[in-house]
Amino acid sequence: MRWRLASRECRVIGLVAAIIAAAVGLTSCGAAAAGNIANAPPGALSCSGCHASAASVDTPVPRLAGQNAEAIVAALQAFRAGQKPATVMDRIAKGFTDDEIKAIAAWYAAQKD
């Protein structure tokens, strides 16, 4: 039997997944970001649901801490514009304004091990 989901159901499932990722991110922030969590801009902590905060974690999802802020901004803008292939980042990036993207990128660029 083949299941088909209506567009609204897909959006709800995506929202639930984003909420779960945010909850995991709030509980899984590593030592690198632990001291700076209070200074994190809105939305930044939800990234750690998929993007590892520790360099020792082996994952195909790139680590954001210490990355170049301009590169993070460019990637998020490309995801948002549909110019970069994605599974979920295209939808996540659409939820941020340019100023939010810049703040998140600057915060992650400042994170060190």
C-alpha atoms as a PDB file:
ATOM      1  CA  MET A   1       0.000   0.000   0.000  1.00  0.00           C
ATOM      2  CA  ARG A   2       1.332   3.421  -0.874  1.00  0.00           C
ATOM      3  CA  TRP A   3       0.883   6.343   1.503  1.00  0.00           C
ATOM      4  CA  ARG A   4       0.417   9.893   0.314  1.00  0.00           C
ATOM      5  CA  LEU A   5       0.638  12.835   2.638  1.00  0.00           C
ATOM      6  CA  ALA A   6      -1.118  16.099   2.027  1.00  0.00           C
ATOM      7  CA  SER A   7       1.015  19.219   1.907  1.00  0.00           C
ATOM      8  CA  ARG A   8      -0.269  20.319   5.313  1.00  0.00           C
ATOM      9  CA  GLU A   9       0.657  16.964   6.851  1.00  0.00           C
ATOM     10  CA  CYS A  10       4.167  17.245   5.412  1.00  0.00           C
ATOM     11  CA  ARG A  11       4.550  20.720   6.925  1.00  0.00           C
ATOM     12  CA  VAL A  12       3.378  19.439  10.299  1.00  0.00           C
ATOM     13  CA  ILE A  13       5.824  16.534  10.143  1.00  0.00           C
ATOM     14  CA  GLY A  14       8.609  18.963   9.204  1.00  0.00           C
ATOM     15  CA  LEU A  15       7.678  21.266  12.091  1.00  0.00           C
ATOM     16  CA  VAL A  16       7.670  18.359  14.540  1.00  0.00           C
ATOM     17  CA  ALA A  17      11.095  17.281  13.259  1.00  0.00           C
ATOM     18  CA  ALA A  18      12.421  20.833  13.702  1.00  0.00           C
ATOM     19  CA  ILE A  19      11.070  20.993  17.263  1.00  0.00           C
ATOM     20  CA  ILE A  20      12.680  17.668  18.108  1.00  0.00           C
ATOM     21  CA  ALA A  21      15.979  18.811  16.583  1.00  0.00           C
ATOM     22  CA  ALA A  22      15.802  22.021  18.629  1.00  0.00           C
ATOM     23  CA  ALA A  23      15.118  20.066  21.815  1.00  0.00           C
ATOM     24  CA  VAL A  24      18.021  17.727  21.110  1.00  0.00           C
ATOM     25  CA  GLY A  25      20.200  20.707  20.308  1.00  0.00           C
ATOM     26  CA  LEU A  26      19.424  22.357  23.631  1.00  0.00           C
ATOM     27  CA  THR A  27      20.431  19.239  25.514  1.00  0.00           C
ATOM     28  CA  SER A  28      23.412  18.215  23.379  1.00  0.00           C
ATOM     29  CA  CYS A  29      25.449  21.419  23.124  1.00  0.00           C
ATOM     30  CA  GLY A  30      29.051  20.446  23.759  1.00  0.00           C
ATOM     31  CA  ALA A  31      31.702  22.027  25.911  1.00  0.00           C
ATOM     32  CA  ALA A  32      32.828  24.300  23.076  1.00  0.00           C
ATOM     33  CA  ALA A  33      29.556  26.191  23.132  1.00  0.00           C
ATOM     34  CA  ALA A  34      28.570  25.587  26.748  1.00  0.00           C
ATOM     35  CA  GLY A  35      30.029  28.830  28.025  1.00  0.00           C
ATOM     36  CA  ASN A  36      28.428  30.869  25.265  1.00  0.00           C
ATOM     37  CA  ILE A  37      24.921  29.396  25.172  1.00  0.00           C
ATOM     38  CA  ALA A  38      23.486  32.466  26.887  1.00  0.00           C
ATOM     39  CA  ASN A  39      24.926  34.633  24.099  1.00  0.00           C
ATOM     40  CA  ALA A  40      23.588  32.496  21.252  1.00  0.00           C
ATOM     41  CA  PRO A  41      21.297  34.328  18.833  1.00  0.00           C
ATOM     42  CA  PRO A  42      17.783  32.965  18.309  1.00  0.00           C
ATOM     43  CA  GLY A  43      17.858  29.794  16.229  1.00  0.00           C
ATOM     44  CA  ALA A  44      21.563  29.032  16.693  1.00  0.00           C
ATOM     45  CA  LEU A  45      21.163  26.299  19.285  1.00  0.00           C
ATOM     46  CA  SER A  46      18.780  24.319  17.108  1.00  0.00           C
ATOM     47  CA  CYS A  47      21.640  23.740  14.645  1.00  0.00           C
ATOM     48  CA  SER A  48      23.400  21.418  17.069  1.00  0.00           C
ATOM     49  CA  GLY A  49      20.615  18.890  16.638  1.00  0.00           C
ATOM     50  CA  CYS A  50      22.385  17.830  13.430  1.00  0.00           C
ATOM     51  CA  HIS A  51      25.703  19.732  13.397  1.00  0.00           C
ATOM     52  CA  ALA A  52      28.105  18.312  15.984  1.00  0.00           C
ATOM     53  CA  SER A  53      29.603  20.754  18.446  1.00  0.00           C
ATOM     54  CA  ALA A  54      32.619  18.557  19.263  1.00  0.00           C
ATOM     55  CA  ALA A  55      35.429  18.007  16.792  1.00  0.00           C
ATOM     56  CA  SER A  56      35.704  14.392  17.926  1.00  0.00           C
ATOM     57  CA  VAL A  57      32.260  13.499  16.549  1.00  0.00           C
ATOM     58  CA  ASP A  58      32.458  11.734  13.187  1.00  0.00           C
ATOM     59  CA  THR A  59      29.488  12.816  11.076  1.00  0.00           C
ATOM     60  CA  PRO A  60      28.837  13.666   7.423  1.00  0.00           C
ATOM     61  CA  VAL A  61      27.078  16.849   8.573  1.00  0.00           C
ATOM     62  CA  PRO A  62      29.699  19.609   8.730  1.00  0.00           C
ATOM     63  CA  ARG A  63      30.650  21.085  12.068  1.00  0.00           C
ATOM     64  CA  LEU A  64      29.798  24.800  12.342  1.00  0.00           C
ATOM     65  CA  ALA A  65      31.930  25.897  15.296  1.00  0.00           C
ATOM     66  CA  GLY A  66      34.980  27.812  14.146  1.00  0.00           C
ATOM     67  CA  GLN A  67      33.902  27.926  10.498  1.00  0.00           C
ATOM     68  CA  ASN A  68      34.183  31.119   8.466  1.00  0.00           C
ATOM     69  CA  ALA A  69      31.089  33.280   9.046  1.00  0.00           C
ATOM     70  CA  GLU A  70      30.883  34.349   5.395  1.00  0.00           C
ATOM     71  CA  ALA A  71      30.939  30.716   4.274  1.00  0.00           C
ATOM     72  CA  ILE A  72      28.092  29.863   6.660  1.00  0.00           C
ATOM     73  CA  VAL A  73      26.066  32.851   5.418  1.00  0.00           C
ATOM     74  CA  ALA A  74      26.683  31.896   1.778  1.00  0.00           C
ATOM     75  CA  ALA A  75      25.653  28.283   2.414  1.00  0.00           C
ATOM     76  CA  LEU A  76      22.445  29.260   4.220  1.00  0.00           C
ATOM     77  CA  GLN A  77      21.525  31.741   1.509  1.00  0.00           C
ATOM     78  CA  ALA A  78      22.167  29.100  -1.162  1.00  0.00           C
ATOM     79  CA  PHE A  79      19.989  26.585   0.723  1.00  0.00           C
ATOM     80  CA  ARG A  80      17.238  29.199   1.083  1.00  0.00           C
ATOM     81  CA  ALA A  81      17.365  30.067  -2.625  1.00  0.00           C
ATOM     82  CA  GLY A  82      17.289  26.405  -3.658  1.00  0.00           C
ATOM     83  CA  GLN A  83      20.733  26.686  -5.242  1.00  0.00           C
ATOM     84  CA  LYS A  84      22.328  24.077  -2.966  1.00  0.00           C
ATOM     85  CA  PRO A  85      20.922  20.529  -2.706  1.00  0.00           C
ATOM     86  CA  ALA A  86      19.470  19.713   0.700  1.00  0.00           C
ATOM     87  CA  THR A  87      17.307  17.304   2.617  1.00  0.00           C
ATOM     88  CA  VAL A  88      16.060  19.735   5.273  1.00  0.00           C
ATOM     89  CA  MET A  89      18.393  22.748   5.229  1.00  0.00           C
ATOM     90  CA  ASP A  90      16.467  24.436   2.436  1.00  0.00           C
ATOM     91  CA  ARG A  91      13.349  24.494   4.613  1.00  0.00           C
ATOM     92  CA  ILE A  92      15.226  25.490   7.751  1.00  0.00           C
ATOM     93  CA  ALA A  93      17.065  28.340   6.022  1.00  0.00           C
ATOM     94  CA  LYS A  94      13.789  29.791   4.742  1.00  0.00           C
ATOM     95  CA  GLY A  95      12.815  30.398   8.366  1.00  0.00           C
ATOM     96  CA  PHE A  96      15.631  32.887   8.962  1.00  0.00           C
ATOM     97  CA  THR A  97      16.011  36.507   7.872  1.00  0.00           C
ATOM     98  CA  ASP A  98      19.322  37.745   6.468  1.00  0.00           C
ATOM     99  CA  ASP A  99      20.127  39.408   9.808  1.00  0.00           C
ATOM    100  CA  GLU A 100      19.371  36.201  11.732  1.00  0.00           C
ATOM    101  CA  ILE A 101      21.574  34.201   9.361  1.00  0.00           C
ATOM    102  CA  LYS A 102      24.437  36.679   9.842  1.00  0.00           C
ATOM    103  CA  ALA A 103      24.060  36.574  13.635  1.00  0.00           C
ATOM    104  CA  ILE A 104      24.014  32.768  13.710  1.00  0.00           C
ATOM    105  CA  ALA A 105      27.029  32.577  11.373  1.00  0.00           C
ATOM    106  CA  ALA A 106      29.014  35.099  13.441  1.00  0.00           C
ATOM    107  CA  TRP A 107      28.199  33.236  16.659  1.00  0.00           C
ATOM    108  CA  TYR A 108      29.288  29.860  15.272  1.00  0.00           C
ATOM    109  CA  ALA A 109      32.449  31.368  13.756  1.00  0.00           C
ATOM    110  CA  ALA A 110      33.405  32.664  17.215  1.00  0.00           C
ATOM    111  CA  GLN A 111      32.990  29.217  18.856  1.00  0.00           C
ATOM    112  CA  LYS A 112      36.264  27.423  19.541  1.00  0.00           C
ATOM    113  CA  ASP A 113      37.168  24.048  21.037  1.00  0.00           C
END
